[in-house]
Amino acid sequence: MKILSLFFLNPDKKYHLREIQRQTNEAMNAIRREMQHLQDSGFASAEMRGNRKYYIMRHDNPFYFDLLELINKSEGLGRVLLAKKAKLGKVKFIMLSGKYVRGIKHSVNDVDLLLVGHVVLPEVLQVLKQEEQRRGTEINYTVMTEDEFKFRKQRKDPFVERILKGSRVMILGDEEELVK
């Protein structure tokens, strides 16, 4: 799981064996076996650069995006948000944008994280600060009460409409209820 987490939490990054070992603290032979298995099953591809073999997950695998969503829910920011759910307040929806999950550069107007409900902002900020340091990038987030979110949806607020039209990974709550 550590190896998959490394690749899917950094989706477009290529890793060589020593780098995978440093990041996961796994035994080199276990990493070699796992990377060979991932290649044989069509999940990973490898390329030689000089005397190093670099690995990357294959985006054309039919299960790539399913695994990407699953890993982002169970590890990284998704895991931390779910683990601290009680401290975050009475949150109804937590959503990560598809661009954030895929590691795609975004504009300053894009929202990476949406939280809907009665949220304890200092707790959220603490979680986001740690994730920003880990990723080395700023996370754009928006917090709304349920009433504000419903009101803005009914009024077809362009900001909320843009969030709802984009791809997303639901960390908490029902996606159908979010968009209806």
C-alpha atoms as a PDB file:
ATOM      1  CA  MET A   1       0.000   0.000   0.000  1.00  0.00           C
ATOM      2  CA  LYS A   2       2.910   2.375   0.698  1.00  0.00           C
ATOM      3  CA  ILE A   3       4.173   2.094  -2.865  1.00  0.00           C
ATOM      4  CA  LEU A   4       0.739   2.663  -4.388  1.00  0.00           C
ATOM      5  CA  SER A   5       0.185   5.602  -2.054  1.00  0.00           C
ATOM      6  CA  LEU A   6       3.489   7.150  -3.100  1.00  0.00           C
ATOM      7  CA  PHE A   7       2.586   6.977  -6.782  1.00  0.00           C
ATOM      8  CA  PHE A   8      -1.091   7.925  -6.521  1.00  0.00           C
ATOM      9  CA  LEU A   9      -0.588  10.833  -4.125  1.00  0.00           C
ATOM     10  CA  ASN A  10       1.996  12.210  -6.596  1.00  0.00           C
ATOM     11  CA  PRO A  11       0.339  11.067  -9.834  1.00  0.00           C
ATOM     12  CA  ASP A  12       2.667  12.406 -12.506  1.00  0.00           C
ATOM     13  CA  LYS A  13       5.961  11.882 -10.732  1.00  0.00           C
ATOM     14  CA  LYS A  14       8.479   9.272 -11.847  1.00  0.00           C
ATOM     15  CA  TYR A  15      10.487   7.390  -9.232  1.00  0.00           C
ATOM     16  CA  HIS A  16      13.590   5.228  -9.357  1.00  0.00           C
ATOM     17  CA  LEU A  17      14.064   2.299  -6.959  1.00  0.00           C
ATOM     18  CA  ARG A  18      16.240   4.087  -4.396  1.00  0.00           C
ATOM     19  CA  GLU A  19      13.828   6.999  -4.261  1.00  0.00           C
ATOM     20  CA  ILE A  20      10.913   4.609  -3.689  1.00  0.00           C
ATOM     21  CA  GLN A  21      12.914   2.954  -0.912  1.00  0.00           C
ATOM     22  CA  ARG A  22      13.664   6.297   0.778  1.00  0.00           C
ATOM     23  CA  GLN A  23      10.033   7.389   0.608  1.00  0.00           C
ATOM     24  CA  THR A  24       8.471   4.097   1.778  1.00  0.00           C
ATOM     25  CA  ASN A  25      11.173   2.530   4.018  1.00  0.00           C
ATOM     26  CA  GLU A  26      10.497  -0.840   2.371  1.00  0.00           C
ATOM     27  CA  ALA A  27      13.134  -3.468   1.535  1.00  0.00           C
ATOM     28  CA  MET A  28      14.713  -3.082  -1.910  1.00  0.00           C
ATOM     29  CA  ASN A  29      13.882  -6.644  -2.999  1.00  0.00           C
ATOM     30  CA  ALA A  30      10.243  -6.177  -1.992  1.00  0.00           C
ATOM     31  CA  ILE A  31      10.114  -2.947  -4.012  1.00  0.00           C
ATOM     32  CA  ARG A  32      11.666  -4.648  -7.056  1.00  0.00           C
ATOM     33  CA  ARG A  33       9.137  -7.491  -6.844  1.00  0.00           C
ATOM     34  CA  GLU A  34       6.189  -5.125  -6.403  1.00  0.00           C
ATOM     35  CA  MET A  35       7.269  -2.857  -9.262  1.00  0.00           C
ATOM     36  CA  GLN A  36       7.718  -5.888 -11.534  1.00  0.00           C
ATOM     37  CA  HIS A  37       4.262  -7.109 -10.537  1.00  0.00           C
ATOM     38  CA  LEU A  38       2.764  -3.663 -11.233  1.00  0.00           C
ATOM     39  CA  GLN A  39       4.447  -3.641 -14.651  1.00  0.00           C
ATOM     40  CA  ASP A  40       3.312  -7.183 -15.487  1.00  0.00           C
ATOM     41  CA  SER A  41      -0.290  -6.335 -14.559  1.00  0.00           C
ATOM     42  CA  GLY A  42      -0.278  -3.155 -16.672  1.00  0.00           C
ATOM     43  CA  PHE A  43      -0.431  -0.629 -13.820  1.00  0.00           C
ATOM     44  CA  ALA A  44       3.104   0.749 -14.156  1.00  0.00           C
ATOM     45  CA  SER A  45       5.591   1.385 -16.901  1.00  0.00           C
ATOM     46  CA  ALA A  46       9.321   1.867 -16.706  1.00  0.00           C
ATOM     47  CA  GLU A  47      11.926   3.781 -18.673  1.00  0.00           C
ATOM     48  CA  MET A  48      15.691   3.811 -18.470  1.00  0.00           C
ATOM     49  CA  ARG A  49      17.546   7.081 -17.962  1.00  0.00           C
ATOM     50  CA  GLY A  50      21.240   6.474 -17.892  1.00  0.00           C
ATOM     51  CA  ASN A  51      21.737   3.604 -15.482  1.00  0.00           C
ATOM     52  CA  ARG A  52      18.492   4.243 -13.549  1.00  0.00           C
ATOM     53  CA  LYS A  53      15.094   2.721 -14.163  1.00  0.00           C
ATOM     54  CA  TYR A  54      12.221   5.131 -13.506  1.00  0.00           C
ATOM     55  CA  TYR A  55       8.665   4.005 -12.851  1.00  0.00           C
ATOM     56  CA  ILE A  56       5.347   5.766 -13.340  1.00  0.00           C
ATOM     57  CA  MET A  57       1.746   4.635 -13.110  1.00  0.00           C
ATOM     58  CA  ARG A  58       0.002   4.141 -16.449  1.00  0.00           C
ATOM     59  CA  HIS A  59      -2.948   6.478 -16.922  1.00  0.00           C
ATOM     60  CA  ASP A  60      -4.363   4.267 -19.666  1.00  0.00           C
ATOM     61  CA  ASN A  61      -5.032   1.408 -17.252  1.00  0.00           C
ATOM     62  CA  PRO A  62      -8.815   1.042 -16.820  1.00  0.00           C
ATOM     63  CA  PHE A  63      -8.448   1.034 -13.029  1.00  0.00           C
ATOM     64  CA  TYR A  64      -6.082   4.013 -12.786  1.00  0.00           C
ATOM     65  CA  PHE A  65      -8.681   6.665 -11.890  1.00  0.00           C
ATOM     66  CA  ASP A  66     -10.531   4.306  -9.534  1.00  0.00           C
ATOM     67  CA  LEU A  67      -7.300   3.667  -7.636  1.00  0.00           C
ATOM     68  CA  LEU A  68      -6.445   7.355  -7.724  1.00  0.00           C
ATOM     69  CA  GLU A  69      -9.743   8.192  -6.012  1.00  0.00           C
ATOM     70  CA  LEU A  70      -9.461   5.327  -3.535  1.00  0.00           C
ATOM     71  CA  ILE A  71      -5.907   6.218  -2.488  1.00  0.00           C
ATOM     72  CA  ASN A  72      -6.808   9.900  -2.136  1.00  0.00           C
ATOM     73  CA  LYS A  73      -9.710   8.958   0.139  1.00  0.00           C
ATOM     74  CA  SER A  74      -7.761   6.495   2.258  1.00  0.00           C
ATOM     75  CA  GLU A  75      -4.380   8.256   2.377  1.00  0.00           C
ATOM     76  CA  GLY A  76      -3.072  11.798   2.297  1.00  0.00           C
ATOM     77  CA  LEU A  77      -5.466  14.678   2.826  1.00  0.00           C
ATOM     78  CA  GLY A  78      -8.577  12.485   2.564  1.00  0.00           C
ATOM     79  CA  ARG A  79      -7.395  10.186   5.359  1.00  0.00           C
ATOM     80  CA  VAL A  80      -6.483  13.085   7.633  1.00  0.00           C
ATOM     81  CA  LEU A  81      -9.816  14.831   7.065  1.00  0.00           C
ATOM     82  CA  LEU A  82     -11.756  11.648   7.815  1.00  0.00           C
ATOM     83  CA  ALA A  83      -9.645  10.891  10.887  1.00  0.00           C
ATOM     84  CA  LYS A  84     -10.245  14.387  12.260  1.00  0.00           C
ATOM     85  CA  LYS A  85     -13.893  14.538  11.195  1.00  0.00           C
ATOM     86  CA  ALA A  86     -15.154  14.956  14.769  1.00  0.00           C
ATOM     87  CA  LYS A  87     -12.744  17.833  15.452  1.00  0.00           C
ATOM     88  CA  LEU A  88     -13.629  19.566  12.180  1.00  0.00           C
ATOM     89  CA  GLY A  89     -17.186  20.208  13.357  1.00  0.00           C
ATOM     90  CA  LYS A  90     -20.501  19.063  11.940  1.00  0.00           C
ATOM     91  CA  VAL A  91     -19.432  18.612   8.328  1.00  0.00           C
ATOM     92  CA  LYS A  92     -21.920  17.273   5.765  1.00  0.00           C
ATOM     93  CA  PHE A  93     -19.754  17.273   2.626  1.00  0.00           C
ATOM     94  CA  ILE A  94     -16.030  17.149   2.008  1.00  0.00           C
ATOM     95  CA  MET A  95     -14.980  17.174  -1.608  1.00  0.00           C
ATOM     96  CA  LEU A  96     -11.581  17.270  -3.332  1.00  0.00           C
ATOM     97  CA  SER A  97     -11.442  18.593  -6.882  1.00  0.00           C
ATOM     98  CA  GLY A  98     -10.393  16.274  -9.666  1.00  0.00           C
ATOM     99  CA  LYS A  99      -7.579  18.644 -10.624  1.00  0.00           C
ATOM    100  CA  TYR A 100      -6.142  18.508  -7.105  1.00  0.00           C
ATOM    101  CA  VAL A 101      -6.333  14.707  -6.974  1.00  0.00           C
ATOM    102  CA  ARG A 102      -4.701  14.371 -10.395  1.00  0.00           C
ATOM    103  CA  GLY A 103      -1.972  16.875  -9.547  1.00  0.00           C
ATOM    104  CA  ILE A 104      -2.997  19.221 -12.376  1.00  0.00           C
ATOM    105  CA  LYS A 105      -1.944  22.839 -12.079  1.00  0.00           C
ATOM    106  CA  HIS A 106      -4.906  25.062 -11.414  1.00  0.00           C
ATOM    107  CA  SER A 107      -5.767  28.724 -11.532  1.00  0.00           C
ATOM    108  CA  VAL A 108      -6.175  30.860  -8.431  1.00  0.00           C
ATOM    109  CA  ASN A 109      -9.971  30.671  -8.885  1.00  0.00           C
ATOM    110  CA  ASP A 110     -10.110  26.856  -8.741  1.00  0.00           C
ATOM    111  CA  VAL A 111     -11.161  25.220  -5.474  1.00  0.00           C
ATOM    112  CA  ASP A 112      -9.175  22.161  -4.362  1.00  0.00           C
ATOM    113  CA  LEU A 113     -11.235  21.437  -1.262  1.00  0.00           C
ATOM    114  CA  LEU A 114     -14.865  22.173  -0.425  1.00  0.00           C
ATOM    115  CA  LEU A 115     -16.266  21.725   3.075  1.00  0.00           C
ATOM    116  CA  VAL A 116     -19.991  22.204   3.703  1.00  0.00           C
ATOM    117  CA  GLY A 117     -21.451  22.342   7.205  1.00  0.00           C
ATOM    118  CA  HIS A 118     -20.583  23.943  10.534  1.00  0.00           C
ATOM    119  CA  VAL A 119     -16.792  23.818  10.337  1.00  0.00           C
ATOM    120  CA  VAL A 120     -14.182  24.547  12.996  1.00  0.00           C
ATOM    121  CA  LEU A 121     -11.868  26.632  10.815  1.00  0.00           C
ATOM    122  CA  PRO A 122      -8.708  26.491  13.001  1.00  0.00           C
ATOM    123  CA  GLU A 123      -8.765  22.679  12.816  1.00  0.00           C
ATOM    124  CA  VAL A 124      -9.126  22.766   9.028  1.00  0.00           C
ATOM    125  CA  LEU A 125      -6.298  25.273   8.707  1.00  0.00           C
ATOM    126  CA  GLN A 126      -3.999  23.072  10.772  1.00  0.00           C
ATOM    127  CA  VAL A 127      -4.700  20.057   8.536  1.00  0.00           C
ATOM    128  CA  LEU A 128      -4.241  22.116   5.369  1.00  0.00           C
ATOM    129  CA  LYS A 129      -0.965  23.623   6.572  1.00  0.00           C
ATOM    130  CA  GLN A 130       0.520  20.150   7.061  1.00  0.00           C
ATOM    131  CA  GLU A 131      -0.694  18.944   3.659  1.00  0.00           C
ATOM    132  CA  GLU A 132       0.605  22.080   1.925  1.00  0.00           C
ATOM    133  CA  GLN A 133       4.051  21.462   3.431  1.00  0.00           C
ATOM    134  CA  ARG A 134       3.965  17.803   2.338  1.00  0.00           C
ATOM    135  CA  ARG A 135       2.886  18.651  -1.217  1.00  0.00           C
ATOM    136  CA  GLY A 136       4.877  21.863  -1.525  1.00  0.00           C
ATOM    137  CA  THR A 137       1.900  23.732  -2.943  1.00  0.00           C
ATOM    138  CA  GLU A 138      -0.953  25.886  -1.690  1.00  0.00           C
ATOM    139  CA  ILE A 139      -4.406  24.314  -1.306  1.00  0.00           C
ATOM    140  CA  ASN A 140      -7.346  26.520  -2.287  1.00  0.00           C
ATOM    141  CA  TYR A 141     -10.299  25.735  -0.058  1.00  0.00           C
ATOM    142  CA  THR A 142     -13.831  26.980   0.502  1.00  0.00           C
ATOM    143  CA  VAL A 143     -15.993  26.548   3.588  1.00  0.00           C
ATOM    144  CA  MET A 144     -19.757  27.114   3.496  1.00  0.00           C
ATOM    145  CA  THR A 145     -22.645  26.425   5.824  1.00  0.00           C
ATOM    146  CA  GLU A 146     -25.357  24.111   4.485  1.00  0.00           C
ATOM    147  CA  ASP A 147     -27.775  27.019   4.201  1.00  0.00           C
ATOM    148  CA  GLU A 148     -25.300  29.164   2.279  1.00  0.00           C
ATOM    149  CA  PHE A 149     -24.441  26.269  -0.036  1.00  0.00           C
ATOM    150  CA  LYS A 150     -28.130  25.513  -0.763  1.00  0.00           C
ATOM    151  CA  PHE A 151     -28.891  29.205  -1.314  1.00  0.00           C
ATOM    152  CA  ARG A 152     -25.970  29.669  -3.713  1.00  0.00           C
ATOM    153  CA  LYS A 153     -26.898  26.489  -5.591  1.00  0.00           C
ATOM    154  CA  GLN A 154     -30.511  27.633  -5.976  1.00  0.00           C
ATOM    155  CA  ARG A 155     -29.372  31.051  -7.209  1.00  0.00           C
ATOM    156  CA  LYS A 156     -27.016  29.339  -9.668  1.00  0.00           C
ATOM    157  CA  ASP A 157     -24.061  31.217  -8.238  1.00  0.00           C
ATOM    158  CA  PRO A 158     -21.252  31.003 -10.863  1.00  0.00           C
ATOM    159  CA  PHE A 159     -18.647  30.101  -8.220  1.00  0.00           C
ATOM    160  CA  VAL A 160     -20.673  27.145  -6.893  1.00  0.00           C
ATOM    161  CA  GLU A 161     -21.713  26.109 -10.401  1.00  0.00           C
ATOM    162  CA  ARG A 162     -18.053  25.945 -11.462  1.00  0.00           C
ATOM    163  CA  ILE A 163     -17.241  23.733  -8.454  1.00  0.00           C
ATOM    164  CA  LEU A 164     -20.152  21.404  -9.167  1.00  0.00           C
ATOM    165  CA  LYS A 165     -19.424  21.128 -12.894  1.00  0.00           C
ATOM    166  CA  GLY A 166     -15.845  20.017 -12.308  1.00  0.00           C
ATOM    167  CA  SER A 167     -14.658  16.519 -11.537  1.00  0.00           C
ATOM    168  CA  ARG A 168     -14.479  15.619  -7.864  1.00  0.00           C
ATOM    169  CA  VAL A 169     -13.693  12.987  -5.285  1.00  0.00           C
ATOM    170  CA  MET A 170     -16.152  12.834  -2.416  1.00  0.00           C
ATOM    171  CA  ILE A 171     -14.401  12.300   0.886  1.00  0.00           C
ATOM    172  CA  LEU A 172     -17.555  12.646   2.969  1.00  0.00           C
ATOM    173  CA  GLY A 173     -21.196  12.795   1.943  1.00  0.00           C
ATOM    174  CA  ASP A 174     -23.273  11.680  -1.009  1.00  0.00           C
ATOM    175  CA  GLU A 175     -22.275  13.103  -4.387  1.00  0.00           C
ATOM    176  CA  GLU A 176     -25.842  12.939  -5.710  1.00  0.00           C
ATOM    177  CA  GLU A 177     -27.060  14.994  -2.747  1.00  0.00           C
ATOM    178  CA  LEU A 178     -24.231  17.484  -3.253  1.00  0.00           C
ATOM    179  CA  VAL A 179     -25.093  18.237  -6.868  1.00  0.00           C
ATOM    180  CA  LYS A 180     -28.927  17.992  -6.833  1.00  0.00           C
END
